[in-house]
Amino acid sequence: MNSLLTAIQMQDEEIAFLGFAALDETVFVGYEYLAKYLQQIGEVTTNIMATDNYSLQNEALKFWTDIAKTEAARTERKEPVFYIAAFGPSLIEIALQGLKSSQLTED
C-alpha cells in the first residue's frame, strides 16, 4: 500500500494514474484492508486536491466516491461500514476543493 501511495504522488502522471487505479481496485477487493492506511490515503488525496492537476483531482474524487458506493452496498447487505462516517468532515473539504477546481477550469 505504501508503494501505491508513493506512486500516486509521483511527478509522472501516468504512474500516478496507475497508482490510483490500483488503489481504487482495493476498494472493491479489499475494503477492510484500507482501514490501516486510511489516514495516509486521506492526506495524499487532500494534498492532490491542493494542486492544479485536475486529472488527478478527479481520480481522488473517484476513489472516495467508490468508497461511498461500496459502503452503500454494504449497508444494504447489513455489513459493517467504516470510512465515510469517520472521515466525513475531511471528505467535505476534499469535495469542496474539487468543486472549486472544476469552477476554475470552466472560467
Protein backbone atom coordinates (compact mmCIF):
# COMPACT_ATOMS: atom_id res chain seq x y z
CA MET A 1 0.00 0.00 0.00
CA ASN A 2 2.83 2.38 0.78
CA SER A 3 4.14 1.83 -2.75
CA LEU A 4 0.74 2.75 -4.21
CA LEU A 5 0.62 5.93 -2.18
CA THR A 6 4.15 6.78 -3.31
CA ALA A 7 3.18 6.12 -6.95
CA ILE A 8 0.15 8.40 -6.66
CA GLN A 9 2.40 11.24 -5.54
CA MET A 10 4.92 10.81 -8.37
CA GLN A 11 5.54 13.64 -10.80
CA ASP A 12 4.99 11.19 -13.65
CA GLU A 13 1.24 11.48 -14.25
CA GLU A 14 0.99 8.05 -15.91
CA ILE A 15 2.47 6.37 -12.83
CA ALA A 16 0.17 8.40 -10.58
CA PHE A 17 -2.86 7.25 -12.60
CA LEU A 18 -1.74 3.62 -12.36
CA GLY A 19 -1.35 4.04 -8.60
CA PHE A 20 -4.88 5.43 -8.34
CA ALA A 21 -6.24 2.59 -10.48
CA ALA A 22 -4.69 0.03 -8.15
CA LEU A 23 -5.87 1.92 -5.06
CA ASP A 24 -9.38 2.14 -6.47
CA GLU A 25 -9.41 -1.61 -7.14
CA THR A 26 -8.54 -2.16 -3.47
CA VAL A 27 -11.89 -0.57 -2.55
CA PHE A 28 -13.68 -3.44 -4.27
CA VAL A 29 -11.42 -6.38 -3.40
CA GLY A 30 -10.04 -5.42 -0.01
CA TYR A 31 -12.34 -2.89 1.62
CA GLU A 32 -11.36 -3.90 5.18
CA TYR A 33 -7.66 -3.74 4.28
CA LEU A 34 -7.89 0.02 3.71
CA ALA A 35 -8.50 0.79 7.40
CA LYS A 36 -4.83 0.62 8.27
CA TYR A 37 -3.93 3.15 5.56
CA LEU A 38 -6.92 5.47 5.53
CA GLN A 39 -5.20 8.31 7.34
CA GLN A 40 -2.36 8.25 4.78
CA ILE A 41 -4.83 7.98 1.90
CA GLY A 42 -6.73 10.97 3.25
CA GLU A 43 -3.54 13.02 3.47
CA VAL A 44 -2.45 12.07 -0.05
CA THR A 45 -5.85 12.86 -1.58
CA THR A 46 -6.06 16.14 0.33
CA ASN A 47 -2.62 17.12 -0.97
CA ILE A 48 -3.67 16.27 -4.52
CA MET A 49 -6.75 18.44 -4.19
CA ALA A 50 -4.46 21.37 -3.34
CA THR A 51 -2.61 21.05 -6.67
CA ASP A 52 -3.56 22.27 -10.14
CA ASN A 53 -3.63 18.73 -11.54
CA TYR A 54 -7.31 18.43 -12.32
CA SER A 55 -6.99 14.92 -13.76
CA LEU A 56 -5.53 13.57 -10.53
CA GLN A 57 -8.07 15.53 -8.52
CA ASN A 58 -10.77 13.66 -10.45
CA GLU A 59 -9.07 10.37 -9.58
CA ALA A 60 -9.04 11.32 -5.90
CA LEU A 61 -12.74 12.18 -6.03
CA LYS A 62 -13.46 8.93 -7.88
CA PHE A 63 -11.69 6.95 -5.16
CA TRP A 64 -13.81 8.46 -2.39
CA THR A 65 -16.96 8.13 -4.50
CA ASP A 66 -16.22 4.42 -4.93
CA ILE A 67 -15.76 4.09 -1.17
CA ALA A 68 -19.19 5.70 -0.70
CA LYS A 69 -20.80 3.39 -3.28
CA THR A 70 -19.19 0.36 -1.66
CA GLU A 71 -20.44 1.44 1.74
CA ALA A 72 -23.95 1.97 0.40
CA ALA A 73 -23.96 -1.57 -0.99
CA ARG A 74 -22.53 -2.96 2.25
CA THR A 75 -25.22 -1.13 4.24
CA GLU A 76 -27.94 -2.73 2.11
CA ARG A 77 -26.41 -6.14 2.84
CA LYS A 78 -26.22 -5.19 6.55
CA GLU A 79 -22.42 -5.41 6.51
CA PRO A 80 -20.37 -3.00 8.61
CA VAL A 81 -19.09 0.24 7.10
CA PHE A 82 -16.20 2.25 8.46
CA TYR A 83 -14.75 5.03 6.40
CA ILE A 84 -17.13 7.71 5.14
CA ALA A 85 -18.62 8.48 8.55
CA ALA A 86 -15.21 8.53 10.20
CA PHE A 87 -13.71 10.90 7.62
CA GLY A 88 -16.81 12.91 6.76
CA PRO A 89 -15.51 16.40 7.60
CA SER A 90 -12.27 15.80 5.68
CA LEU A 91 -14.21 14.46 2.72
CA ILE A 92 -16.36 17.57 2.64
CA GLU A 93 -13.18 19.63 2.33
CA ILE A 94 -11.91 17.38 -0.47
CA ALA A 95 -15.24 17.68 -2.31
CA LEU A 96 -15.33 21.47 -1.89
CA GLN A 97 -11.79 21.75 -3.25
CA GLY A 98 -12.86 19.62 -6.21
CA LEU A 99 -15.83 21.88 -6.86
CA LYS A 100 -13.64 24.95 -6.64
CA SER A 101 -11.16 23.44 -9.10
CA SER A 102 -13.91 22.49 -11.54
CA GLN A 103 -15.22 26.06 -11.48
CA LEU A 104 -11.72 27.36 -12.26
CA THR A 105 -11.47 25.11 -15.31
CA GLU A 106 -14.85 26.33 -16.59
CA ASP A 107 -13.78 30.00 -16.47
